[in-house]
Protein backbone atom coordinates (compact mmCIF):
# COMPACT_ATOMS: atom_id res chain seq x y z
CA MET A 1 -55.59 -17.74 87.44
CA LEU A 2 -55.02 -15.28 84.60
CA VAL A 3 -58.27 -13.82 83.27
CA THR A 4 -58.50 -13.96 79.50
CA PRO A 5 -59.57 -10.63 77.99
CA ILE A 6 -61.32 -12.18 75.00
CA GLU A 7 -63.70 -15.03 74.30
CA ILE A 8 -63.59 -17.23 71.21
CA THR A 9 -66.92 -18.76 70.23
CA ASN A 10 -67.21 -22.39 69.12
CA ALA A 11 -67.69 -21.34 65.48
CA ALA A 12 -64.57 -19.13 65.57
CA GLU A 13 -62.60 -21.86 67.36
CA ARG A 14 -63.44 -24.38 64.63
CA GLU A 15 -62.42 -21.98 61.85
CA ILE A 16 -59.17 -20.91 63.57
CA LYS A 17 -58.17 -24.53 64.17
CA HIS A 18 -59.07 -25.38 60.56
CA ILE A 19 -56.87 -22.53 59.29
CA MET A 20 -53.99 -23.57 61.57
CA ALA A 21 -54.21 -27.17 60.34
CA HIS A 22 -54.75 -26.58 56.62
CA LYS A 23 -53.16 -23.24 55.63
CA ASN A 24 -49.47 -23.94 56.34
CA ILE A 25 -49.34 -21.87 59.54
CA PRO A 26 -45.95 -22.65 61.16
CA ALA A 27 -46.17 -24.62 64.42
CA ASP A 28 -44.44 -21.85 66.39
CA TYR A 29 -47.01 -19.21 65.35
CA HIS A 30 -49.88 -18.11 67.58
CA LEU A 31 -53.16 -16.35 66.89
CA ARG A 32 -52.53 -12.61 67.29
CA VAL A 33 -55.44 -10.36 68.26
CA GLY A 34 -55.06 -6.60 68.30
CA VAL A 35 -56.64 -3.22 67.67
CA LYS A 36 -55.85 -0.46 65.22
CA GLY A 37 -56.70 3.21 65.49
CA ALA A 38 -59.25 4.82 67.74
CA GLY A 39 -60.13 7.90 65.74
CA CYS A 40 -63.49 9.17 64.58
CA GLY A 41 -64.36 5.84 62.99
CA GLY A 42 -63.71 3.96 66.20
CA MET A 43 -61.42 1.00 66.64
CA SER A 44 -60.83 -1.69 64.11
CA TYR A 45 -59.64 -5.12 65.09
CA ALA A 46 -56.75 -7.16 63.75
CA LEU A 47 -56.54 -10.94 63.60
CA GLY A 48 -53.65 -12.97 62.20
CA PHE A 49 -50.87 -15.41 62.99
CA ASP A 50 -47.49 -14.40 64.35
CA LYS A 51 -44.54 -15.39 66.52
CA PRO A 52 -44.40 -14.12 70.12
CA LYS A 53 -42.66 -10.76 70.54
CA THR A 54 -41.41 -8.72 73.46
CA GLY A 55 -44.36 -6.91 75.03
CA ASP A 56 -46.90 -9.64 74.27
CA GLU A 57 -49.29 -11.20 76.74
CA SER A 58 -49.78 -14.92 76.09
CA PHE A 59 -53.03 -16.79 76.67
CA GLU A 60 -54.42 -20.19 75.83
CA ILE A 61 -58.07 -19.97 74.88
CA ASN A 62 -59.95 -23.11 73.80
CA SER A 63 -56.57 -24.81 73.21
CA ILE A 64 -55.53 -21.98 70.87
CA PRO A 65 -52.33 -20.09 71.73
CA VAL A 66 -53.23 -16.39 71.63
CA LEU A 67 -50.97 -13.32 71.65
CA ILE A 68 -52.08 -9.79 72.54
CA GLU A 69 -49.77 -6.80 72.85
CA LYS A 70 -49.87 -5.60 76.47
CA LYS A 71 -51.00 -2.14 75.35
CA HIS A 72 -53.99 -3.67 73.50
CA VAL A 73 -55.30 -5.85 76.34
CA MET A 74 -57.40 -3.11 77.94
CA PHE A 75 -59.10 -2.30 74.61
CA LEU A 76 -59.98 -5.96 74.04
CA MET A 77 -61.44 -6.72 77.50
CA GLY A 78 -64.85 -8.30 77.03
CA THR A 79 -64.47 -8.79 73.27
CA LYS A 80 -65.93 -11.92 71.73
CA ILE A 81 -64.54 -13.29 68.46
CA ASP A 82 -67.12 -15.12 66.40
CA PHE A 83 -67.19 -16.59 62.90
CA TYR A 84 -70.13 -15.95 60.59
CA GLU A 85 -70.90 -18.07 57.57
CA GLY A 86 -73.92 -17.12 55.49
CA SER A 87 -75.02 -17.35 51.88
CA GLU A 88 -73.69 -13.85 51.09
CA ALA A 89 -70.60 -13.57 53.30
CA ARG A 90 -68.32 -15.31 55.75
CA GLY A 91 -65.69 -14.09 58.14
CA PHE A 92 -64.66 -13.29 61.67
CA THR A 93 -66.64 -10.75 63.66
CA PHE A 94 -65.73 -8.91 66.85
CA ILE A 95 -68.41 -8.26 69.43
CA ASN A 96 -67.37 -5.83 72.12
CA GLU A 97 -69.40 -6.44 75.26
CA PRO A 98 -67.87 -4.66 78.26
CA LEU A 99 -67.45 -6.91 81.26
CA GLN A 100 -70.35 -6.69 83.67
CA LYS A 101 -69.69 -6.08 87.34
CA LYS A 102 -71.01 -8.96 89.42
CA ASP A 103 -72.46 -8.23 92.85
């Protein structure tokens, strides 16, 4: 079994599926998760929809087809994607919790 490097919370799953169903995302597109930069400000995360490309790892997480560039997988290990909706703001958040070693 292939271990998925990221987790998608229930709130994020609902929002991603809503976007896929109602925002004219083509059926052959997948959710793409990636990272940008790693300078002084740390990493920033990227989230969007895209077609599979050479060099991608493919996963299915919560019935969502997910693409991650092979070179980004190690940076995303243990990352949780959540969706926050409050009175002042709403959007996706990335929580990086390194995987814990189990004895």
